[in-house]
N, C-alpha and C. Protein backbone atom coordinates (compact mmCIF):
# COMPACT_ATOMS: atom_id res chain seq x y z
N MET A 1 0.87 -1.09 -0.44
CA MET A 1 0.39 -0.32 0.02
C MET A 1 0.86 1.33 0.11
N ALA A 2 0.75 2.58 -0.74
CA ALA A 2 1.35 3.36 -0.72
C ALA A 2 1.30 4.46 -0.01
N LYS A 3 1.99 4.98 0.65
CA LYS A 3 2.29 5.73 1.98
C LYS A 3 1.95 6.77 1.61
N ALA A 4 0.98 7.63 2.44
CA ALA A 4 0.72 9.34 2.01
C ALA A 4 1.43 9.84 2.55
N GLY A 5 1.45 11.21 2.39
CA GLY A 5 1.66 12.18 3.07
C GLY A 5 3.05 13.08 2.18
N ALA A 6 3.94 13.50 2.51
CA ALA A 6 5.48 13.82 1.82
C ALA A 6 6.06 12.85 1.61
N PRO A 7 7.16 13.34 0.18
CA PRO A 7 7.63 12.45 0.13
C PRO A 7 9.23 12.31 1.07
N THR A 8 9.97 10.90 1.75
CA THR A 8 10.95 11.09 2.04
C THR A 8 11.88 12.38 1.98
N GLY A 9 12.44 12.85 3.51
CA GLY A 9 13.34 13.85 3.13
C GLY A 9 12.55 15.45 3.11
N ASN A 10 11.50 15.58 3.18
CA ASN A 10 10.31 16.32 3.32
C ASN A 10 10.66 16.84 4.95
N ASN A 11 11.24 18.21 4.68
CA ASN A 11 10.95 18.93 6.36
C ASN A 11 10.20 19.75 7.04
N ASN A 12 9.20 20.26 5.96
CA ASN A 12 8.59 21.47 5.95
C ASN A 12 7.69 21.32 7.15
N ALA A 13 7.04 20.41 7.64
CA ALA A 13 6.20 20.24 8.57
C ALA A 13 6.84 20.19 9.76
N GLY A 14 8.51 20.13 9.74
CA GLY A 14 9.60 20.42 10.88
C GLY A 14 9.40 21.85 11.65
N LYS A 15 9.60 22.49 10.14
CA LYS A 15 9.21 24.11 10.26
C LYS A 15 8.75 24.68 11.18
N ALA A 16 7.41 24.42 10.81
CA ALA A 16 6.46 25.00 11.47
C ALA A 16 6.08 25.03 12.72
N LYS A 17 7.19 23.11 13.31
CA LYS A 17 6.87 23.02 14.56
C LYS A 17 7.92 23.55 15.33
N ILE A 18 9.16 24.00 15.03
CA ILE A 18 10.22 24.50 15.33
C ILE A 18 9.47 25.90 15.58
N TRP A 19 8.91 26.90 14.79
CA TRP A 19 8.38 28.20 14.95
C TRP A 19 7.30 28.13 16.45
N SER A 20 6.00 27.23 16.35
CA SER A 20 5.38 27.17 17.44
C SER A 20 5.88 27.01 18.82
N ASP A 21 6.86 25.83 18.82
CA ASP A 21 7.66 25.44 19.78
C ASP A 21 8.48 26.84 20.45
N ALA A 22 9.09 28.13 19.32
CA ALA A 22 9.70 29.03 19.77
C ALA A 22 8.92 30.28 20.83
N LEU A 23 7.69 29.91 19.35
CA LEU A 23 6.19 30.71 20.49
C LEU A 23 5.48 30.45 22.04
N ARG A 24 5.65 28.78 21.87
CA ARG A 24 5.06 28.64 23.17
C ARG A 24 6.34 28.81 24.19
N PHE A 25 7.06 28.49 23.97
CA PHE A 25 8.33 29.01 24.98
C PHE A 25 8.14 30.51 25.27
N ALA A 26 8.37 31.69 24.31
CA ALA A 26 8.60 32.64 24.50
C ALA A 26 7.17 33.24 25.76
N CYS A 27 6.34 32.43 24.86
CA CYS A 27 4.71 33.02 25.84
C CYS A 27 4.43 32.29 27.57
N LEU A 28 5.38 31.88 27.18
CA LEU A 28 5.36 30.83 28.86
C LEU A 28 6.42 31.07 29.87
N LYS A 29 7.41 31.67 29.31
CA LYS A 29 8.78 31.72 29.28
C LYS A 29 8.09 32.84 31.41
N ASP A 30 7.35 33.59 30.78
CA ASP A 30 7.45 34.17 32.00
C ASP A 30 5.80 34.07 32.26
N LYS A 31 5.29 33.39 33.40
CA LYS A 31 4.12 32.37 33.89
C LYS A 31 2.75 34.14 33.19
N THR A 32 3.04 35.16 33.31
CA THR A 32 1.72 36.06 33.75
C THR A 32 1.69 36.59 32.34
N ARG A 33 2.92 36.45 30.95
CA ARG A 33 2.71 36.61 29.61
C ARG A 33 1.76 36.05 28.61
N LEU A 34 1.50 35.44 28.71
CA LEU A 34 0.23 34.49 28.50
C LEU A 34 -1.23 35.33 27.95
N ALA A 35 -0.83 35.15 29.71
CA ALA A 35 -2.30 36.08 30.12
C ALA A 35 -2.69 37.17 29.78
N LYS A 36 -0.97 38.54 29.62
CA LYS A 36 -1.69 39.55 29.19
C LYS A 36 -1.57 39.86 28.22
N LEU A 37 -0.89 38.50 26.65
CA LEU A 37 -1.83 38.60 25.66
C LEU A 37 -2.68 38.42 25.56
N ALA A 38 -3.78 37.42 26.37
CA ALA A 38 -5.20 36.98 26.19
C ALA A 38 -5.91 38.64 26.46
N ASN A 39 -5.33 38.61 27.16
CA ASN A 39 -6.49 40.11 27.71
C ASN A 39 -5.80 41.31 26.68
N VAL A 40 -5.17 41.39 26.36
CA VAL A 40 -4.63 42.26 25.16
C VAL A 40 -5.78 42.04 23.87
N LEU A 41 -6.28 41.05 24.16
CA LEU A 41 -6.52 39.80 22.53
C LEU A 41 -7.93 40.85 23.17
N VAL A 42 -8.71 40.31 23.94
CA VAL A 42 -9.69 40.34 24.78
C VAL A 42 -10.62 42.18 24.86
N ALA A 43 -9.33 43.02 24.81
CA ALA A 43 -9.76 44.47 24.62
C ALA A 43 -9.97 44.43 23.79
N LYS A 44 -8.78 44.30 22.58
CA LYS A 44 -8.42 44.67 20.96
C LYS A 44 -10.19 44.65 20.78
N ALA A 45 -10.77 43.18 20.91
CA ALA A 45 -12.25 42.30 20.32
C ALA A 45 -13.02 43.79 21.17
N ALA A 46 -13.22 44.16 22.21
CA ALA A 46 -14.00 44.76 23.04
C ALA A 46 -14.18 46.41 22.07
N GLU A 47 -13.38 46.81 21.54
CA GLU A 47 -12.97 48.22 21.33
C GLU A 47 -13.28 47.94 19.58
N GLY A 48 -14.06 45.84 19.24
CA GLY A 48 -14.20 46.08 17.94
C GLY A 48 -13.71 45.57 16.67
N ASP A 49 -12.07 45.84 17.97
CA ASP A 49 -11.21 45.48 16.39
C ASP A 49 -12.09 43.62 15.47
N MET A 50 -12.20 43.90 14.32
CA MET A 50 -12.74 42.60 13.99
C MET A 50 -12.00 41.38 14.07
N ALA A 51 -10.30 41.41 13.21
CA ALA A 51 -9.58 40.20 13.24
C ALA A 51 -9.35 39.80 15.23
N ALA A 52 -9.56 40.74 15.58
CA ALA A 52 -9.32 40.81 17.30
C ALA A 52 -10.49 39.52 17.41
N LEU A 53 -12.06 39.85 17.15
CA LEU A 53 -13.04 39.64 17.22
C LEU A 53 -13.23 37.93 16.63
N LYS A 54 -12.92 38.07 15.40
CA LYS A 54 -12.58 36.87 14.52
C LYS A 54 -11.67 35.64 15.91
N GLU A 55 -10.30 36.81 15.99
CA GLU A 55 -10.09 35.16 16.54
C GLU A 55 -10.53 35.25 18.00
N LEU A 56 -10.49 35.30 18.41
CA LEU A 56 -11.60 35.14 19.94
C LEU A 56 -12.26 34.37 19.59
N GLY A 57 -13.74 34.40 18.69
CA GLY A 57 -14.68 33.58 18.20
C GLY A 57 -13.74 31.92 17.78
N ASP A 58 -13.06 32.06 17.14
CA ASP A 58 -12.27 31.00 16.66
C ASP A 58 -11.64 30.27 17.63
N ARG A 59 -11.50 30.80 18.73
CA ARG A 59 -11.00 29.97 19.40
C ARG A 59 -11.69 29.70 20.65
N LEU A 60 -13.08 30.38 20.93
CA LEU A 60 -13.93 29.94 21.66
C LEU A 60 -14.51 29.00 21.36
N GLU A 61 -15.06 29.28 19.98
CA GLU A 61 -16.05 28.83 19.36
C GLU A 61 -15.48 27.12 18.37
N GLY A 62 -14.27 27.43 18.14
CA GLY A 62 -13.14 26.63 16.89
C GLY A 62 -14.26 27.09 15.31
N LYS A 63 -12.89 26.91 14.42
CA LYS A 63 -13.89 27.69 13.07
C LYS A 63 -14.51 27.34 12.63
N PRO A 64 -15.52 27.81 12.00
CA PRO A 64 -16.68 27.34 11.59
C PRO A 64 -16.52 26.68 10.28
N HIS A 65 -17.34 25.22 9.84
CA HIS A 65 -16.95 24.50 8.90
C HIS A 65 -17.41 25.09 7.83
N GLN A 66 -16.21 24.81 6.78
CA GLN A 66 -16.05 25.59 5.31
C GLN A 66 -16.79 24.41 4.22
N THR A 67 -17.70 24.35 3.50
CA THR A 67 -18.45 23.94 2.64
C THR A 67 -18.15 23.88 1.52
N VAL A 68 -18.34 22.74 0.64
CA VAL A 68 -17.15 22.58 -0.68
C VAL A 68 -18.42 22.06 -1.25
N GLY A 69 -18.89 22.82 -2.28
CA GLY A 69 -19.94 22.79 -3.35
C GLY A 69 -20.46 23.45 -4.77
N GLY A 70 -21.14 22.90 -5.48
CA GLY A 70 -20.54 23.62 -6.79
C GLY A 70 -21.55 24.75 -6.72
N ASP A 71 -21.67 25.37 -8.11
CA ASP A 71 -22.75 26.65 -8.49
C ASP A 71 -24.14 25.85 -8.62
N THR A 72 -24.12 24.67 -8.58
CA THR A 72 -26.45 24.08 -8.79
C THR A 72 -27.20 24.92 -7.93
N PRO A 73 -28.45 24.80 -8.25
CA PRO A 73 -29.37 24.77 -7.04
C PRO A 73 -29.08 23.50 -5.70
N THR A 74 -28.80 22.89 -6.21
CA THR A 74 -28.76 21.71 -4.79
C THR A 74 -27.26 21.64 -4.17
N GLY A 75 -26.26 22.24 -4.82
CA GLY A 75 -25.02 22.37 -4.33
C GLY A 75 -23.89 21.38 -4.54
N GLU A 76 -24.82 20.50 -5.64
CA GLU A 76 -23.97 19.34 -5.93
C GLU A 76 -22.94 19.70 -6.94
N ILE A 77 -21.70 18.97 -6.96
CA ILE A 77 -20.88 19.44 -8.14
C ILE A 77 -20.93 18.76 -9.29
N PRO A 78 -20.90 19.30 -10.18
CA PRO A 78 -21.57 18.17 -11.68
C PRO A 78 -19.91 17.27 -11.81
N ILE A 79 -20.03 16.43 -11.95
CA ILE A 79 -18.95 15.59 -12.86
C ILE A 79 -19.36 14.93 -14.24
N SER A 80 -18.71 14.56 -15.14
CA SER A 80 -19.03 14.40 -16.22
C SER A 80 -17.85 13.17 -16.74
N MET A 81 -17.81 12.07 -17.16
CA MET A 81 -16.85 11.27 -17.48
C MET A 81 -17.11 11.07 -18.82
N THR A 82 -15.69 10.47 -19.56
CA THR A 82 -16.19 9.69 -21.00
C THR A 82 -15.79 8.57 -21.06
N VAL A 83 -15.69 7.74 -21.83
CA VAL A 83 -15.54 6.35 -21.90
C VAL A 83 -15.27 6.13 -23.17
N LYS A 84 -13.86 6.32 -23.90
CA LYS A 84 -13.58 5.80 -25.20
C LYS A 84 -12.71 4.35 -24.96
N TYR A 85 -13.65 3.59 -26.20
CA TYR A 85 -13.32 2.17 -26.33
C TYR A 85 -12.31 2.18 -27.81
N VAL A 86 -11.59 1.78 -27.54
CA VAL A 86 -10.20 1.60 -28.43
C VAL A 86 -9.90 0.29 -29.23
N LYS A 87 -10.20 0.03 -30.86
CA LYS A 87 -10.17 -1.16 -30.75
C LYS A 87 -7.96 -1.31 -30.81
N PRO A 88 -8.16 -2.66 -29.97
CA PRO A 88 -6.48 -2.82 -29.92
C PRO A 88 -5.69 -2.96 -31.48
N ASN A 89 -4.71 -2.83 -31.41
CA ASN A 89 -4.36 -3.14 -32.74
C ASN A 89 -3.14 -4.42 -32.39
N GLY A 90 -3.63 -5.51 -33.33
CA GLY A 90 -2.90 -6.50 -33.31
C GLY A 90 -3.54 -7.57 -34.27
């Protein structure tokens, strides 16, 4: 069975983890730092900052599900397939 995912030697996922780890370390180095950042986010949201409101909503309620659908009235994605029979040479 074929293995899904990135090819051997692809380290892109590790790069994101390094950044996440650095951010986590910076936030948790001082135990009050993360609470201060959260308070800033809540204050910005209370002022009407739309980006802060969206972030707060995403963190509290989760991101909304993204529906994938077609342009048809039922939302279906039209698919067509053509089968062509060819006479073998021989």
